[in-house]
């Protein structure tokens, strides 16, 4: 067990340090490269959500079957909470899937919008067109 934990720690360290060691300087990344990375990140995010859902549903099913094995007469009363809890866990994965679709679809729009101090460098704000400005002067003067 100790050998496996040392091996996994060494592997994680190499995986974290290798990109910085082999990074190349040069031209800024193209927009298509950023879009490709967004798809890869979305795939990893969905995979993590599905993995967590599988673990959660497995524990829910295990606990329900253990309860039924201990008390077979309570199987009917355990069925509804079992189905509800499985549906709640699956809903979390569906919400994650929805958020990933929204993020990937509107990624270019999100790049144009600026959030100062967060993910993207702030850009100079453009003034509003005149039709959106409120005039202080009255029309009669």
Protein backbone atom coordinates (compact mmCIF):
# COMPACT_ATOMS: atom_id res chain seq x y z
CA UNK A 1 0.00 0.00 0.00
CA UNK A 2 2.82 2.37 0.85
CA UNK A 3 4.51 1.62 -2.48
CA UNK A 4 1.33 2.52 -4.35
CA UNK A 5 0.89 5.78 -2.49
CA UNK A 6 4.53 6.74 -3.16
CA UNK A 7 4.12 5.83 -6.84
CA UNK A 8 0.92 7.87 -7.17
CA UNK A 9 2.50 10.83 -5.36
CA UNK A 10 5.52 10.74 -7.68
CA UNK A 11 3.26 10.42 -10.73
CA UNK A 12 1.10 13.36 -9.62
CA UNK A 13 4.21 15.47 -9.02
CA UNK A 14 5.59 14.70 -12.47
CA UNK A 15 2.22 15.47 -14.08
CA UNK A 16 2.02 18.82 -12.31
CA UNK A 17 5.60 19.90 -13.03
CA UNK A 18 6.04 18.61 -16.60
CA UNK A 19 3.89 21.24 -18.37
CA UNK A 20 5.84 24.08 -16.75
CA UNK A 21 9.17 22.45 -17.54
CA UNK A 22 8.41 21.89 -21.22
CA UNK A 23 6.41 25.05 -21.83
CA UNK A 24 7.46 27.07 -24.86
CA UNK A 25 7.24 30.80 -25.17
CA UNK A 26 6.06 32.39 -28.34
CA UNK A 27 3.03 33.85 -29.98
CA UNK A 28 -0.16 34.11 -27.96
CA UNK A 29 -2.59 31.25 -28.30
CA UNK A 30 -5.08 31.46 -31.11
CA UNK A 31 -8.83 31.63 -30.50
CA UNK A 32 -9.35 28.16 -31.96
CA UNK A 33 -6.81 26.73 -29.52
CA UNK A 34 -8.74 28.23 -26.61
CA UNK A 35 -11.96 26.79 -28.00
CA UNK A 36 -10.35 23.34 -28.26
CA UNK A 37 -9.15 23.55 -24.69
CA UNK A 38 -12.66 24.50 -23.64
CA UNK A 39 -13.99 21.29 -25.18
CA UNK A 40 -11.33 19.23 -23.40
CA UNK A 41 -12.12 20.91 -20.07
CA UNK A 42 -15.83 20.30 -20.64
CA UNK A 43 -15.18 16.62 -21.29
CA UNK A 44 -13.14 16.29 -18.11
CA UNK A 45 -15.80 18.15 -16.11
CA UNK A 46 -18.55 15.87 -17.37
CA UNK A 47 -16.41 12.82 -16.66
CA UNK A 48 -15.83 13.92 -13.07
CA UNK A 49 -19.54 14.60 -12.61
CA UNK A 50 -20.49 11.21 -14.05
CA UNK A 51 -17.89 9.48 -11.85
CA UNK A 52 -19.28 11.18 -8.73
CA UNK A 53 -22.82 10.27 -9.77
CA UNK A 54 -21.84 6.64 -10.23
CA UNK A 55 -20.25 6.51 -6.79
CA UNK A 56 -23.25 8.18 -5.18
CA UNK A 57 -25.79 5.95 -6.86
CA UNK A 58 -23.76 2.89 -5.96
CA UNK A 59 -23.73 3.87 -2.29
CA UNK A 60 -27.46 4.62 -2.37
CA UNK A 61 -28.26 1.26 -3.95
CA UNK A 62 -25.93 -0.56 -1.56
CA UNK A 63 -27.54 1.03 1.48
CA UNK A 64 -31.04 0.26 0.19
CA UNK A 65 -30.23 -3.38 -0.51
CA UNK A 66 -28.55 -3.75 2.86
CA UNK A 67 -31.64 -2.34 4.55
CA UNK A 68 -33.90 -4.69 2.58
CA UNK A 69 -31.67 -7.65 3.46
CA UNK A 70 -31.94 -6.83 7.16
CA UNK A 71 -35.68 -6.22 7.07
CA UNK A 72 -37.40 -7.69 3.98
CA UNK A 73 -40.78 -6.44 5.13
CA UNK A 74 -39.67 -2.82 4.74
CA UNK A 75 -38.84 -3.18 1.04
CA UNK A 76 -42.01 -1.39 -0.07
CA UNK A 77 -41.44 1.57 2.23
CA UNK A 78 -37.78 1.88 1.09
CA UNK A 79 -38.58 1.92 -2.61
CA UNK A 80 -39.87 5.52 -2.88
CA UNK A 81 -36.97 7.16 -0.98
CA UNK A 82 -34.56 5.03 -3.02
CA UNK A 83 -35.98 6.23 -6.33
CA UNK A 84 -36.12 9.85 -5.12
CA UNK A 85 -32.52 9.85 -3.96
CA UNK A 86 -31.34 8.25 -7.21
CA UNK A 87 -33.26 10.90 -9.16
CA UNK A 88 -31.69 13.72 -7.11
CA UNK A 89 -28.18 12.41 -7.75
CA UNK A 90 -28.87 12.02 -11.47
CA UNK A 91 -30.30 15.54 -11.59
CA UNK A 92 -26.98 16.93 -10.37
CA UNK A 93 -25.24 15.33 -13.35
CA UNK A 94 -27.87 16.70 -15.73
CA UNK A 95 -27.39 20.19 -14.28
CA UNK A 96 -23.64 19.80 -14.76
CA UNK A 97 -24.22 18.73 -18.36
CA UNK A 98 -26.44 21.76 -18.92
CA UNK A 99 -23.87 24.15 -17.45
CA UNK A 100 -21.14 22.64 -19.64
CA UNK A 101 -23.27 23.04 -22.76
CA UNK A 102 -23.99 26.66 -21.88
CA UNK A 103 -20.33 27.40 -21.18
CA UNK A 104 -19.12 25.79 -24.42
CA UNK A 105 -21.84 27.37 -26.56
CA UNK A 106 -21.39 30.90 -25.20
CA UNK A 107 -17.62 30.72 -24.74
CA UNK A 108 -16.88 33.34 -27.41
CA UNK A 109 -19.47 35.66 -25.90
CA UNK A 110 -17.94 35.21 -22.46
CA UNK A 111 -14.51 36.09 -23.83
CA UNK A 112 -15.82 39.44 -25.10
CA UNK A 113 -17.36 40.32 -21.75
CA UNK A 114 -14.85 41.41 -19.15
CA UNK A 115 -14.81 40.57 -15.48
CA UNK A 116 -12.17 42.76 -13.82
CA UNK A 117 -9.79 40.77 -11.70
CA UNK A 118 -11.25 37.39 -12.48
CA UNK A 119 -10.59 35.20 -15.51
CA UNK A 120 -9.89 37.57 -18.37
CA UNK A 121 -7.84 40.73 -18.58
CA UNK A 122 -10.04 43.83 -18.33
CA UNK A 123 -10.49 45.80 -21.52
CA UNK A 124 -11.24 49.48 -21.91
CA UNK A 125 -14.95 50.09 -21.63
CA UNK A 126 -16.63 51.71 -24.61
CA UNK A 127 -19.11 54.50 -23.93
CA UNK A 128 -22.78 53.78 -24.44
CA UNK A 129 -24.45 54.97 -27.65
CA UNK A 130 -26.38 58.25 -27.26
CA UNK A 131 -29.79 56.57 -27.27
CA UNK A 132 -28.94 54.81 -24.00
CA UNK A 133 -27.71 57.94 -22.25
CA UNK A 134 -30.11 59.92 -20.10
CA UNK A 135 -30.11 63.62 -20.78
CA UNK A 136 -30.02 65.95 -17.79
CA UNK A 137 -31.24 68.98 -19.72
CA UNK A 138 -34.92 69.49 -20.30
CA UNK A 139 -36.31 69.93 -23.79
CA UNK A 140 -37.84 73.33 -22.97
CA UNK A 141 -34.62 75.14 -22.04
